[in-house]
Amino acid sequence: EVQLVESGGGLVQAGGSLRLSCATSGFTFDDYAIGWFRQAPGKAREGVSCFSNRDGSTYYAESVKGRFTISRDNAKNTVYLQMNTLKPEDTAVYYCARPPRPGTYCSLVPGDMDYWGEGTLVTVSS
């Protein structure tokens, strides 16, 4: 069974940092790109970052470039999202997700993913 489990969310003041983790199981981790997405209250889910398994490329939404860093540990089947200089507008539930087929290019489009974790809430106070 494919599983993705996020952790590391919490309440932080503006300017602070958090590191999210996405622990995966049930599939060959090395074969898949993994993405981070978020959904703020009343807003559509949006792509945040993706780490390609094909060539190690990383992709970021413009709103988080320079502040967030994605990484992956293939030995632990885990993807991380280091979030620095957090802003109140970063408040959202953060999800990690996997595309349906191995070897797929990274995507920040939620509709391109088919397996999702339950999410972890990040709240940034002003």
Foldseek 3Di string as FASTA:
>chain_A
DWAWAKDWADEEAAQAKIKMKIQIDDDQLLQWKKFKWWDDPPGDIWTAKIADSPPRDIDGDPVQPPFWDWDDDSVRSMIMIIGGRDDQVVWTWMKMFTADDTPDDDDGDVVRTDDIHPTDTHGYHD
